[in-house]
C-alpha cells in the first residue's frame, strides 16, 4: 500500500475571511483579490464569471469597509 506524504501546513493553510464580509459574492471577490494580489474589474469579471455592474457594487461595499483599495481600475485586498 502506498503512503501519501502529508502536505505541509504552510502549503494548505488558508487565512479566514474577515467577519465583515457577509455575501457569497463579496467573499469570492475578496478571496480572489487576496490570492491574486490585484485585478481590474475586467479581470475579475472574466475570472469569476460575474457581471461588471455587480462587481462594482461588491467592490464599493468592500472598499467602504476598508477591505479593498483601488488605484484607478486596479483593486487589491488590504
PDB file of N, CA and C in Angstrom:
ATOM      1  N   UNK A   1       0.841  -1.182   0.000  1.00  0.00           N
ATOM      2  CA  UNK A   1       0.000   0.000   0.000  1.00  0.00           C
ATOM      3  C   UNK A   1       0.883   1.241   0.000  1.00  0.00           C
ATOM      4  N   UNK A   2       0.581   2.174  -0.868  1.00  0.00           N
ATOM      5  CA  UNK A   2       1.353   3.408  -0.988  1.00  0.00           C
ATOM      6  C   UNK A   2       0.892   4.414   0.062  1.00  0.00           C
ATOM      7  N   UNK A   3       1.836   5.010   0.737  1.00  0.00           N
ATOM      8  CA  UNK A   3       1.520   6.004   1.760  1.00  0.00           C
ATOM      9  C   UNK A   3       1.782   7.394   1.192  1.00  0.00           C
ATOM     10  N   UNK A   4       0.814   8.264   1.298  1.00  0.00           N
ATOM     11  CA  UNK A   4       0.954   9.632   0.803  1.00  0.00           C
ATOM     12  C   UNK A   4       1.585  10.506   1.864  1.00  0.00           C
ATOM     13  N   UNK A   5       2.482  11.359   1.439  1.00  0.00           N
ATOM     14  CA  UNK A   5       3.109  12.299   2.366  1.00  0.00           C
ATOM     15  C   UNK A   5       2.101  13.386   2.722  1.00  0.00           C
ATOM     16  N   UNK A   6       2.087  13.765   3.959  1.00  0.00           N
ATOM     17  CA  UNK A   6       1.197  14.840   4.413  1.00  0.00           C
ATOM     18  C   UNK A   6       1.695  16.173   3.875  1.00  0.00           C
ATOM     19  N   UNK A   7       0.769  16.995   3.455  1.00  0.00           N
ATOM     20  CA  UNK A   7       1.124  18.330   2.971  1.00  0.00           C
ATOM     21  C   UNK A   7       1.575  19.173   4.148  1.00  0.00           C
ATOM     22  N   UNK A   8       2.517  20.037   3.887  1.00  0.00           N
ATOM     23  CA  UNK A   8       2.981  20.915   4.960  1.00  0.00           C
ATOM     24  C   UNK A   8       1.884  21.919   5.305  1.00  0.00           C
ATOM     25  N   UNK A   9       1.774  22.315   6.566  1.00  0.00           N
ATOM     26  CA  UNK A   9       0.725  23.260   6.959  1.00  0.00           C
ATOM     27  C   UNK A   9       0.813  24.583   6.208  1.00  0.00           C
ATOM     28  N   UNK A  10       2.005  24.987   5.836  1.00  0.00           N
ATOM     29  CA  UNK A  10       2.157  26.253   5.139  1.00  0.00           C
ATOM     30  C   UNK A  10       1.555  26.202   3.743  1.00  0.00           C
ATOM     31  N   UNK A  11       1.575  25.079   3.085  1.00  0.00           N
ATOM     32  CA  UNK A  11       1.087  24.999   1.716  1.00  0.00           C
ATOM     33  C   UNK A  11      -0.431  24.900   1.644  1.00  0.00           C
ATOM     34  N   UNK A  12      -1.080  24.482   2.724  1.00  0.00           N
ATOM     35  CA  UNK A  12      -2.525  24.301   2.682  1.00  0.00           C
ATOM     36  C   UNK A  12      -3.283  25.282   3.560  1.00  0.00           C
ATOM     37  N   UNK A  13      -2.601  26.066   4.355  1.00  0.00           N
ATOM     38  CA  UNK A  13      -3.280  26.986   5.267  1.00  0.00           C
ATOM     39  C   UNK A  13      -3.950  28.115   4.489  1.00  0.00           C
ATOM     40  N   UNK A  14      -5.175  28.394   4.851  1.00  0.00           N
ATOM     41  CA  UNK A  14      -5.921  29.495   4.241  1.00  0.00           C
ATOM     42  C   UNK A  14      -6.354  30.415   5.375  1.00  0.00           C
ATOM     43  N   UNK A  15      -6.019  31.682   5.246  1.00  0.00           N
ATOM     44  CA  UNK A  15      -6.432  32.652   6.251  1.00  0.00           C
ATOM     45  C   UNK A  15      -7.947  32.786   6.227  1.00  0.00           C
ATOM     46  N   UNK A  16      -8.571  32.923   7.385  1.00  0.00           N
ATOM     47  CA  UNK A  16     -10.019  33.104   7.402  1.00  0.00           C
ATOM     48  C   UNK A  16     -10.398  34.446   6.778  1.00  0.00           C
ATOM     49  N   UNK A  17     -11.567  34.478   6.182  1.00  0.00           N
ATOM     50  CA  UNK A  17     -12.068  35.719   5.607  1.00  0.00           C
ATOM     51  C   UNK A  17     -12.534  36.640   6.724  1.00  0.00           C
ATOM     52  N   UNK A  18     -12.424  37.946   6.525  1.00  0.00           N
ATOM     53  CA  UNK A  18     -12.898  38.891   7.551  1.00  0.00           C
ATOM     54  C   UNK A  18     -14.383  38.689   7.851  1.00  0.00           C
ATOM     55  N   UNK A  19     -14.752  38.843   9.109  1.00  0.00           N
ATOM     56  CA  UNK A  19     -16.141  38.661   9.535  1.00  0.00           C
ATOM     57  C   UNK A  19     -17.097  39.666   8.893  1.00  0.00           C
ATOM     58  N   UNK A  20     -16.579  40.816   8.457  1.00  0.00           N
ATOM     59  CA  UNK A  20     -17.428  41.860   7.874  1.00  0.00           C
ATOM     60  C   UNK A  20     -17.987  41.470   6.505  1.00  0.00           C
ATOM     61  N   UNK A  21     -17.466  40.417   5.913  1.00  0.00           N
ATOM     62  CA  UNK A  21     -17.925  40.008   4.583  1.00  0.00           C
ATOM     63  C   UNK A  21     -19.059  39.024   4.762  1.00  0.00           C
ATOM     64  N   UNK A  22     -20.258  39.423   4.321  1.00  0.00           N
ATOM     65  CA  UNK A  22     -21.408  38.581   4.567  1.00  0.00           C
ATOM     66  C   UNK A  22     -21.993  37.923   3.320  1.00  0.00           C
ATOM     67  N   UNK A  23     -21.779  38.457   2.145  1.00  0.00           N
ATOM     68  CA  UNK A  23     -22.373  37.852   0.949  1.00  0.00           C
ATOM     69  C   UNK A  23     -21.384  36.911   0.266  1.00  0.00           C
ATOM     70  N   UNK A  24     -21.935  35.924  -0.417  1.00  0.00           N
ATOM     71  CA  UNK A  24     -21.096  34.963  -1.130  1.00  0.00           C
ATOM     72  C   UNK A  24     -20.284  35.646  -2.226  1.00  0.00           C
ATOM     73  N   UNK A  25     -20.877  36.606  -2.918  1.00  0.00           N
ATOM     74  CA  UNK A  25     -20.170  37.327  -3.985  1.00  0.00           C
ATOM     75  C   UNK A  25     -18.994  38.109  -3.426  1.00  0.00           C
ATOM     76  N   UNK A  26     -19.205  38.780  -2.310  1.00  0.00           N
ATOM     77  CA  UNK A  26     -18.132  39.559  -1.694  1.00  0.00           C
ATOM     78  C   UNK A  26     -17.011  38.649  -1.206  1.00  0.00           C
ATOM     79  N   UNK A  27     -17.369  37.496  -0.662  1.00  0.00           N
ATOM     80  CA  UNK A  27     -16.356  36.534  -0.222  1.00  0.00           C
ATOM     81  C   UNK A  27     -15.516  36.066  -1.397  1.00  0.00           C
ATOM     82  N   UNK A  28     -16.184  35.755  -2.512  1.00  0.00           N
ATOM     83  CA  UNK A  28     -15.485  35.290  -3.701  1.00  0.00           C
ATOM     84  C   UNK A  28     -14.531  36.356  -4.236  1.00  0.00           C
ATOM     85  N   UNK A  29     -14.994  37.596  -4.337  1.00  0.00           N
ATOM     86  CA  UNK A  29     -14.163  38.688  -4.846  1.00  0.00           C
ATOM     87  C   UNK A  29     -12.985  38.939  -3.915  1.00  0.00           C
ATOM     88  N   UNK A  30     -13.240  39.005  -2.617  1.00  0.00           N
ATOM     89  CA  UNK A  30     -12.166  39.249  -1.656  1.00  0.00           C
ATOM     90  C   UNK A  30     -11.121  38.134  -1.708  1.00  0.00           C
ATOM     91  N   UNK A  31     -11.583  36.891  -1.714  1.00  0.00           N
ATOM     92  CA  UNK A  31     -10.673  35.748  -1.752  1.00  0.00           C
ATOM     93  C   UNK A  31      -9.824  35.785  -3.025  1.00  0.00           C
ATOM     94  N   UNK A  32     -10.446  36.100  -4.153  1.00  0.00           N
ATOM     95  CA  UNK A  32      -9.695  36.174  -5.407  1.00  0.00           C
ATOM     96  C   UNK A  32      -8.624  37.258  -5.329  1.00  0.00           C
ATOM     97  N   UNK A  33      -9.005  38.441  -4.868  1.00  0.00           N
ATOM     98  CA  UNK A  33      -8.033  39.535  -4.768  1.00  0.00           C
ATOM     99  C   UNK A  33      -6.924  39.209  -3.778  1.00  0.00           C
ATOM    100  N   UNK A  34      -7.271  38.557  -2.691  1.00  0.00           N
ATOM    101  CA  UNK A  34      -6.271  38.188  -1.697  1.00  0.00           C
ATOM    102  C   UNK A  34      -5.256  37.217  -2.280  1.00  0.00           C
ATOM    103  N   UNK A  35      -5.684  36.296  -3.101  1.00  0.00           N
ATOM    104  CA  UNK A  35      -4.785  35.303  -3.692  1.00  0.00           C
ATOM    105  C   UNK A  35      -4.062  35.837  -4.917  1.00  0.00           C
ATOM    106  N   UNK A  36      -4.746  36.623  -5.753  1.00  0.00           N
ATOM    107  CA  UNK A  36      -4.141  37.128  -6.989  1.00  0.00           C
ATOM    108  C   UNK A  36      -3.230  38.321  -6.746  1.00  0.00           C
ATOM    109  N   UNK A  37      -3.473  39.050  -5.670  1.00  0.00           N
ATOM    110  CA  UNK A  37      -2.692  40.247  -5.391  1.00  0.00           C
ATOM    111  C   UNK A  37      -3.419  41.500  -5.824  1.00  0.00           C
ATOM    112  N   UNK A  38      -3.831  41.527  -7.069  1.00  0.00           N
ATOM    113  CA  UNK A  38      -4.604  42.655  -7.584  1.00  0.00           C
ATOM    114  C   UNK A  38      -5.264  42.250  -8.886  1.00  0.00           C
ATOM    115  N   UNK A  39      -6.301  42.994  -9.262  1.00  0.00           N
ATOM    116  CA  UNK A  39      -7.010  42.709 -10.508  1.00  0.00           C
ATOM    117  C   UNK A  39      -7.876  43.900 -10.871  1.00  0.00           C
ATOM    118  N   UNK A  40      -8.147  44.033 -12.157  1.00  0.00           N
ATOM    119  CA  UNK A  40      -9.089  45.040 -12.641  1.00  0.00           C
ATOM    120  C   UNK A  40     -10.490  44.432 -12.616  1.00  0.00           C
ATOM    121  N   UNK A  41     -11.483  45.272 -12.802  1.00  0.00           N
ATOM    122  CA  UNK A  41     -12.858  44.787 -12.844  1.00  0.00           C
ATOM    123  C   UNK A  41     -13.030  43.832 -14.027  1.00  0.00           C
ATOM    124  N   UNK A  42     -12.409  44.138 -15.153  1.00  0.00           N
ATOM    125  CA  UNK A  42     -12.491  43.250 -16.319  1.00  0.00           C
ATOM    126  C   UNK A  42     -11.864  41.894 -16.020  1.00  0.00           C
ATOM    127  N   UNK A  43     -10.726  41.895 -15.338  1.00  0.00           N
ATOM    128  CA  UNK A  43     -10.077  40.636 -14.966  1.00  0.00           C
ATOM    129  C   UNK A  43     -10.932  39.842 -13.987  1.00  0.00           C
ATOM    130  N   UNK A  44     -11.504  40.530 -13.004  1.00  0.00           N
ATOM    131  CA  UNK A  44     -12.394  39.864 -12.050  1.00  0.00           C
ATOM    132  C   UNK A  44     -13.604  39.269 -12.768  1.00  0.00           C
ATOM    133  N   UNK A  45     -14.172  40.015 -13.679  1.00  0.00           N
ATOM    134  CA  UNK A  45     -15.337  39.551 -14.419  1.00  0.00           C
ATOM    135  C   UNK A  45     -15.027  38.279 -15.197  1.00  0.00           C
ATOM    136  N   UNK A  46     -13.908  38.271 -15.881  1.00  0.00           N
ATOM    137  CA  UNK A  46     -13.521  37.095 -16.657  1.00  0.00           C
ATOM    138  C   UNK A  46     -13.192  35.897 -15.783  1.00  0.00           C
ATOM    139  N   UNK A  47     -12.469  36.130 -14.703  1.00  0.00           N
ATOM    140  CA  UNK A  47     -12.036  35.033 -13.840  1.00  0.00           C
ATOM    141  C   UNK A  47     -13.176  34.449 -13.007  1.00  0.00           C
ATOM    142  N   UNK A  48     -14.090  35.302 -12.573  1.00  0.00           N
ATOM    143  CA  UNK A  48     -15.140  34.854 -11.665  1.00  0.00           C
ATOM    144  C   UNK A  48     -16.491  34.641 -12.330  1.00  0.00           C
ATOM    145  N   UNK A  49     -16.602  35.046 -13.605  1.00  0.00           N
ATOM    146  CA  UNK A  49     -17.864  34.880 -14.305  1.00  0.00           C
ATOM    147  C   UNK A  49     -18.967  35.773 -13.772  1.00  0.00           C
ATOM    148  N   UNK A  50     -18.582  36.930 -13.245  1.00  0.00           N
ATOM    149  CA  UNK A  50     -19.554  37.879 -12.701  1.00  0.00           C
ATOM    150  C   UNK A  50     -19.679  39.082 -13.632  1.00  0.00           C
ATOM    151  N   UNK A  51     -20.862  39.676 -13.650  1.00  0.00           N
ATOM    152  CA  UNK A  51     -21.077  40.878 -14.455  1.00  0.00           C
ATOM    153  C   UNK A  51     -20.381  42.063 -13.799  1.00  0.00           C
ATOM    154  N   UNK A  52     -19.867  42.959 -14.637  1.00  0.00           N
ATOM    155  CA  UNK A  52     -19.127  44.119 -14.131  1.00  0.00           C
ATOM    156  C   UNK A  52     -19.986  44.987 -13.218  1.00  0.00           C
ATOM    157  N   UNK A  53     -21.247  45.183 -13.562  1.00  0.00           N
ATOM    158  CA  UNK A  53     -22.123  46.016 -12.743  1.00  0.00           C
ATOM    159  C   UNK A  53     -22.220  45.462 -11.320  1.00  0.00           C
ATOM    160  N   UNK A  54     -22.365  44.159 -11.186  1.00  0.00           N
ATOM    161  CA  UNK A  54     -22.405  43.531  -9.872  1.00  0.00           C
ATOM    162  C   UNK A  54     -21.084  43.655  -9.141  1.00  0.00           C
ATOM    163  N   UNK A  55     -19.986  43.545  -9.887  1.00  0.00           N
ATOM    164  CA  UNK A  55     -18.660  43.667  -9.276  1.00  0.00           C
ATOM    165  C   UNK A  55     -18.434  45.057  -8.706  1.00  0.00           C
ATOM    166  N   UNK A  56     -18.861  46.087  -9.424  1.00  0.00           N
ATOM    167  CA  UNK A  56     -18.688  47.450  -8.903  1.00  0.00           C
ATOM    168  C   UNK A  56     -19.417  47.623  -7.579  1.00  0.00           C
ATOM    169  N   UNK A  57     -20.584  47.043  -7.455  1.00  0.00           N
ATOM    170  CA  UNK A  57     -21.341  47.130  -6.208  1.00  0.00           C
ATOM    171  C   UNK A  57     -20.612  46.400  -5.077  1.00  0.00           C
ATOM    172  N   UNK A  58     -20.144  45.192  -5.354  1.00  0.00           N
ATOM    173  CA  UNK A  58     -19.406  44.412  -4.356  1.00  0.00           C
ATOM    174  C   UNK A  58     -18.134  45.140  -3.947  1.00  0.00           C
ATOM    175  N   UNK A  59     -17.395  45.648  -4.928  1.00  0.00           N
ATOM    176  CA  UNK A  59     -16.139  46.340  -4.638  1.00  0.00           C
ATOM    177  C   UNK A  59     -16.374  47.623  -3.838  1.00  0.00           C
ATOM    178  N   UNK A  60     -17.457  48.331  -4.123  1.00  0.00           N
ATOM    179  CA  UNK A  60     -17.776  49.545  -3.366  1.00  0.00           C
ATOM    180  C   UNK A  60     -18.056  49.199  -1.906  1.00  0.00           C
ATOM    181  N   UNK A  61     -18.761  48.098  -1.675  1.00  0.00           N
ATOM    182  CA  UNK A  61     -19.043  47.658  -0.306  1.00  0.00           C
ATOM    183  C   UNK A  61     -17.755  47.276   0.411  1.00  0.00           C
ATOM    184  N   UNK A  62     -16.912  46.478  -0.261  1.00  0.00           N
ATOM    185  CA  UNK A  62     -15.643  46.070   0.347  1.00  0.00           C
ATOM    186  C   UNK A  62     -14.742  47.278   0.610  1.00  0.00           C
ATOM    187  N   UNK A  63     -14.746  48.225  -0.304  1.00  0.00           N
ATOM    188  CA  UNK A  63     -13.943  49.437  -0.140  1.00  0.00           C
ATOM    189  C   UNK A  63     -14.457  50.263   1.039  1.00  0.00           C
ATOM    190  N   UNK A  64     -15.759  50.378   1.156  1.00  0.00           N
ATOM    191  CA  UNK A  64     -16.359  51.122   2.260  1.00  0.00           C
ATOM    192  C   UNK A  64     -16.051  50.521   3.622  1.00  0.00           C
ATOM    193  N   UNK A  65     -15.799  49.231   3.648  1.00  0.00           N
ATOM    194  CA  UNK A  65     -15.455  48.552   4.901  1.00  0.00           C
ATOM    195  C   UNK A  65     -13.948  48.472   5.114  1.00  0.00           C
ATOM    196  N   UNK A  66     -13.192  49.077   4.191  1.00  0.00           N
ATOM    197  CA  UNK A  66     -11.738  49.099   4.331  1.00  0.00           C
ATOM    198  C   UNK A  66     -11.053  47.776   4.022  1.00  0.00           C
ATOM    199  N   UNK A  67     -11.726  46.914   3.265  1.00  0.00           N
ATOM    200  CA  UNK A  67     -11.183  45.589   2.976  1.00  0.00           C
ATOM    201  C   UNK A  67     -10.463  45.507   1.639  1.00  0.00           C
ATOM    202  N   UNK A  68     -10.751  46.447   0.752  1.00  0.00           N
ATOM    203  CA  UNK A  68     -10.024  46.551  -0.510  1.00  0.00           C
ATOM    204  C   UNK A  68      -9.671  48.010  -0.743  1.00  0.00           C
ATOM    205  N   UNK A  69      -8.695  48.212  -1.576  1.00  0.00           N
ATOM    206  CA  UNK A  69      -8.330  49.563  -2.001  1.00  0.00           C
ATOM    207  C   UNK A  69      -8.146  49.520  -3.503  1.00  0.00           C
ATOM    208  N   UNK A  70      -8.216  50.671  -4.121  1.00  0.00           N
ATOM    209  CA  UNK A  70      -8.020  50.685  -5.564  1.00  0.00           C
ATOM    210  C   UNK A  70      -7.246  51.907  -5.996  1.00  0.00           C
ATOM    211  N   UNK A  71      -6.560  51.723  -7.081  1.00  0.00           N
ATOM    212  CA  UNK A  71      -5.851  52.813  -7.748  1.00  0.00           C
ATOM    213  C   UNK A  71      -6.278  52.732  -9.200  1.00  0.00           C
ATOM    214  N   UNK A  72      -7.065  53.711  -9.617  1.00  0.00           N
ATOM    215  CA  UNK A  72      -7.644  53.639 -10.950  1.00  0.00           C
ATOM    216  C   UNK A  72      -8.609  52.461 -11.012  1.00  0.00           C
ATOM    217  N   UNK A  73      -8.403  51.593 -11.983  1.00  0.00           N
ATOM    218  CA  UNK A  73      -9.268  50.415 -12.153  1.00  0.00           C
ATOM    219  C   UNK A  73      -8.700  49.155 -11.496  1.00  0.00           C
ATOM    220  N   UNK A  74      -7.569  49.257 -10.812  1.00  0.00           N
ATOM    221  CA  UNK A  74      -6.943  48.097 -10.196  1.00  0.00           C
ATOM    222  C   UNK A  74      -7.287  48.021  -8.708  1.00  0.00           C
ATOM    223  N   UNK A  75      -7.801  46.877  -8.302  1.00  0.00           N
ATOM    224  CA  UNK A  75      -8.195  46.638  -6.920  1.00  0.00           C
ATOM    225  C   UNK A  75      -7.281  45.613  -6.279  1.00  0.00           C
ATOM    226  N   UNK A  76      -7.095  45.761  -4.959  1.00  0.00           N
ATOM    227  CA  UNK A  76      -6.314  44.789  -4.181  1.00  0.00           C
ATOM    228  C   UNK A  76      -6.889  44.728  -2.781  1.00  0.00           C
ATOM    229  N   UNK A  77      -6.724  43.588  -2.123  1.00  0.00           N
ATOM    230  CA  UNK A  77      -7.205  43.467  -0.742  1.00  0.00           C
ATOM    231  C   UNK A  77      -6.213  44.196   0.174  1.00  0.00           C
ATOM    232  N   UNK A  78      -6.720  44.670   1.316  1.00  0.00           N
ATOM    233  CA  UNK A  78      -5.872  45.396   2.251  1.00  0.00           C
ATOM    234  C   UNK A  78      -5.367  44.481   3.341  1.00  0.00           C
TER     235      UNK A  78
END
